[in-house]
């Protein structure tokens, strides 16, 4: 794997200034597919994410962007934390991780009452 860039920000918004992306991975479950993330996929790009259904069940999903539209695949049932909108009281930050470099990420305190 080459360089990886880690960003702190509202996951629902993505990172449009660096789009399009070949792949986007979510590690929290929204209740609908964020259109802003789909719009940031390159042709052939994939969005892999847990998706929470109205029933409360969550499934691991893969959405592939193509000229014909968005192709949806459902895999196994999963359980992830819910995806919440907003960001903590800290400006967006970025850390670039170079291959074989260790990384320490310090998480800012988040107001859990939101």
C-alpha atoms as a PDB file:
ATOM      1  CA  UNK A   1       0.000   0.000   0.000  1.00  0.00           C
ATOM      2  CA  UNK A   2       1.242   3.481  -0.786  1.00  0.00           C
ATOM      3  CA  UNK A   3       0.631   6.630   1.177  1.00  0.00           C
ATOM      4  CA  UNK A   4      -2.540   6.946   3.223  1.00  0.00           C
ATOM      5  CA  UNK A   5      -4.072  10.241   4.261  1.00  0.00           C
ATOM      6  CA  UNK A   6      -6.152  10.427   7.453  1.00  0.00           C
ATOM      7  CA  UNK A   7      -8.609  13.314   7.885  1.00  0.00           C
ATOM      8  CA  UNK A   8     -10.751  14.542  10.759  1.00  0.00           C
ATOM      9  CA  UNK A   9     -14.058  15.975   9.596  1.00  0.00           C
ATOM     10  CA  UNK A  10     -17.741  15.267   9.047  1.00  0.00           C
ATOM     11  CA  UNK A  11     -17.836  11.883   7.338  1.00  0.00           C
ATOM     12  CA  UNK A  12     -21.149  12.706   5.669  1.00  0.00           C
ATOM     13  CA  UNK A  13     -19.420  15.457   3.679  1.00  0.00           C
ATOM     14  CA  UNK A  14     -16.409  13.462   2.579  1.00  0.00           C
ATOM     15  CA  UNK A  15     -13.462  15.335   1.126  1.00  0.00           C
ATOM     16  CA  UNK A  16     -14.712  16.836  -2.125  1.00  0.00           C
ATOM     17  CA  UNK A  17     -11.590  18.935  -2.699  1.00  0.00           C
ATOM     18  CA  UNK A  18      -9.578  15.721  -3.209  1.00  0.00           C
ATOM     19  CA  UNK A  19     -12.219  13.749  -5.170  1.00  0.00           C
ATOM     20  CA  UNK A  20     -12.691  11.626  -7.173  1.00  0.00           C
ATOM     21  CA  UNK A  21     -11.774   8.552  -5.136  1.00  0.00           C
ATOM     22  CA  UNK A  22     -11.292   4.952  -6.232  1.00  0.00           C
ATOM     23  CA  UNK A  23     -12.474   3.793  -2.819  1.00  0.00           C
ATOM     24  CA  UNK A  24     -14.193   5.140   0.278  1.00  0.00           C
ATOM     25  CA  UNK A  25     -14.586   3.053   3.454  1.00  0.00           C
ATOM     26  CA  UNK A  26     -16.959   3.921   6.297  1.00  0.00           C
ATOM     27  CA  UNK A  27     -16.525   2.403   9.756  1.00  0.00           C
ATOM     28  CA  UNK A  28     -19.803   3.712  11.182  1.00  0.00           C
ATOM     29  CA  UNK A  29     -23.336   2.967   9.975  1.00  0.00           C
ATOM     30  CA  UNK A  30     -25.501   5.695   8.449  1.00  0.00           C
ATOM     31  CA  UNK A  31     -29.221   5.087   7.876  1.00  0.00           C
ATOM     32  CA  UNK A  32     -28.934   6.044   4.218  1.00  0.00           C
ATOM     33  CA  UNK A  33     -26.170   6.166   1.653  1.00  0.00           C
ATOM     34  CA  UNK A  34     -24.586   9.641   1.837  1.00  0.00           C
ATOM     35  CA  UNK A  35     -25.114  11.179  -1.626  1.00  0.00           C
ATOM     36  CA  UNK A  36     -22.096  13.433  -1.125  1.00  0.00           C
ATOM     37  CA  UNK A  37     -19.844  10.354  -0.850  1.00  0.00           C
ATOM     38  CA  UNK A  38     -21.366   8.681  -3.904  1.00  0.00           C
ATOM     39  CA  UNK A  39     -20.759  11.905  -5.847  1.00  0.00           C
ATOM     40  CA  UNK A  40     -17.069  11.753  -4.864  1.00  0.00           C
ATOM     41  CA  UNK A  41     -16.503   8.290  -6.364  1.00  0.00           C
ATOM     42  CA  UNK A  42     -14.550   7.940  -9.588  1.00  0.00           C
ATOM     43  CA  UNK A  43     -16.074   5.817 -12.339  1.00  0.00           C
ATOM     44  CA  UNK A  44     -15.533   2.266 -11.118  1.00  0.00           C
ATOM     45  CA  UNK A  45     -14.972   3.593  -7.582  1.00  0.00           C
ATOM     46  CA  UNK A  46     -16.366   1.677  -4.616  1.00  0.00           C
ATOM     47  CA  UNK A  47     -18.009   2.757  -1.382  1.00  0.00           C
ATOM     48  CA  UNK A  48     -17.816   0.017   1.280  1.00  0.00           C
ATOM     49  CA  UNK A  49     -19.900   0.684   4.364  1.00  0.00           C
ATOM     50  CA  UNK A  50     -22.271  -0.709   6.960  1.00  0.00           C
ATOM     51  CA  UNK A  51     -25.840   0.455   6.308  1.00  0.00           C
ATOM     52  CA  UNK A  52     -28.565   0.506   8.954  1.00  0.00           C
ATOM     53  CA  UNK A  53     -32.014  -0.418   7.665  1.00  0.00           C
ATOM     54  CA  UNK A  54     -35.313   0.871   9.098  1.00  0.00           C
ATOM     55  CA  UNK A  55     -35.636  -2.451  10.948  1.00  0.00           C
ATOM     56  CA  UNK A  56     -32.410  -1.680  12.846  1.00  0.00           C
ATOM     57  CA  UNK A  57     -30.487  -4.444  11.086  1.00  0.00           C
ATOM     58  CA  UNK A  58     -27.139  -3.479   9.600  1.00  0.00           C
ATOM     59  CA  UNK A  59     -25.506  -4.992   6.539  1.00  0.00           C
ATOM     60  CA  UNK A  60     -22.080  -4.616   5.026  1.00  0.00           C
ATOM     61  CA  UNK A  61     -22.663  -3.036   1.615  1.00  0.00           C
ATOM     62  CA  UNK A  62     -20.571  -2.281  -1.441  1.00  0.00           C
ATOM     63  CA  UNK A  63     -21.681   0.353  -3.928  1.00  0.00           C
ATOM     64  CA  UNK A  64     -19.825   0.587  -7.245  1.00  0.00           C
ATOM     65  CA  UNK A  65     -20.121   3.713  -9.382  1.00  0.00           C
ATOM     66  CA  UNK A  66     -20.530   3.090 -13.119  1.00  0.00           C
ATOM     67  CA  UNK A  67     -21.792   4.896 -16.210  1.00  0.00           C
ATOM     68  CA  UNK A  68     -25.020   2.912 -15.853  1.00  0.00           C
ATOM     69  CA  UNK A  69     -25.518   4.097 -12.262  1.00  0.00           C
ATOM     70  CA  UNK A  70     -24.762   2.836  -8.782  1.00  0.00           C
ATOM     71  CA  UNK A  71     -24.457  -0.962  -8.428  1.00  0.00           C
ATOM     72  CA  UNK A  72     -25.390  -2.240  -4.942  1.00  0.00           C
ATOM     73  CA  UNK A  73     -24.185  -5.460  -3.274  1.00  0.00           C
ATOM     74  CA  UNK A  74     -25.280  -6.671   0.164  1.00  0.00           C
ATOM     75  CA  UNK A  75     -23.028  -8.965   2.179  1.00  0.00           C
ATOM     76  CA  UNK A  76     -23.281 -10.174   5.777  1.00  0.00           C
ATOM     77  CA  UNK A  77     -25.183  -8.730   8.718  1.00  0.00           C
ATOM     78  CA  UNK A  78     -22.908  -6.582  10.906  1.00  0.00           C
ATOM     79  CA  UNK A  79     -23.050  -4.274  13.925  1.00  0.00           C
ATOM     80  CA  UNK A  80     -21.294  -0.880  13.856  1.00  0.00           C
ATOM     81  CA  UNK A  81     -21.720   2.325  15.833  1.00  0.00           C
ATOM     82  CA  UNK A  82     -24.138   4.812  14.242  1.00  0.00           C
ATOM     83  CA  UNK A  83     -22.705   7.452  11.924  1.00  0.00           C
ATOM     84  CA  UNK A  84     -23.363  10.913  13.363  1.00  0.00           C
ATOM     85  CA  UNK A  85     -23.274  14.205  11.514  1.00  0.00           C
ATOM     86  CA  UNK A  86     -21.009  17.040  12.614  1.00  0.00           C
ATOM     87  CA  UNK A  87     -17.461  17.302  13.866  1.00  0.00           C
ATOM     88  CA  UNK A  88     -15.924  17.997  17.270  1.00  0.00           C
ATOM     89  CA  UNK A  89     -14.865  21.513  18.203  1.00  0.00           C
ATOM     90  CA  UNK A  90     -11.584  21.296  16.343  1.00  0.00           C
ATOM     91  CA  UNK A  91     -10.639  22.513  12.893  1.00  0.00           C
ATOM     92  CA  UNK A  92     -10.233  19.833  10.246  1.00  0.00           C
ATOM     93  CA  UNK A  93      -6.825  18.265  10.558  1.00  0.00           C
ATOM     94  CA  UNK A  94      -4.824  16.051   8.252  1.00  0.00           C
ATOM     95  CA  UNK A  95      -2.044  13.577   8.874  1.00  0.00           C
ATOM     96  CA  UNK A  96      -0.214  11.854   6.047  1.00  0.00           C
ATOM     97  CA  UNK A  97       1.001   8.354   6.817  1.00  0.00           C
ATOM     98  CA  UNK A  98       4.032   7.174   4.869  1.00  0.00           C
ATOM     99  CA  UNK A  99       4.488   3.447   4.386  1.00  0.00           C
ATOM    100  CA  UNK A 100       6.234   1.839   7.406  1.00  0.00           C
ATOM    101  CA  UNK A 101       5.757   4.956   9.528  1.00  0.00           C
ATOM    102  CA  UNK A 102       3.966   4.606  12.850  1.00  0.00           C
ATOM    103  CA  UNK A 103       1.000   6.834  13.593  1.00  0.00           C
ATOM    104  CA  UNK A 104      -0.566   8.052  16.801  1.00  0.00           C
ATOM    105  CA  UNK A 105      -4.000   9.613  16.455  1.00  0.00           C
ATOM    106  CA  UNK A 106      -5.283  11.623  19.371  1.00  0.00           C
ATOM    107  CA  UNK A 107      -9.032  11.965  19.351  1.00  0.00           C
ATOM    108  CA  UNK A 108     -10.514  15.280  20.486  1.00  0.00           C
ATOM    109  CA  UNK A 109     -13.243  15.212  23.118  1.00  0.00           C
ATOM    110  CA  UNK A 110     -16.669  15.043  21.529  1.00  0.00           C
ATOM    111  CA  UNK A 111     -19.871  16.367  23.079  1.00  0.00           C
ATOM    112  CA  UNK A 112     -21.916  13.176  23.294  1.00  0.00           C
ATOM    113  CA  UNK A 113     -25.137  15.101  23.938  1.00  0.00           C
ATOM    114  CA  UNK A 114     -25.365  16.071  20.236  1.00  0.00           C
END
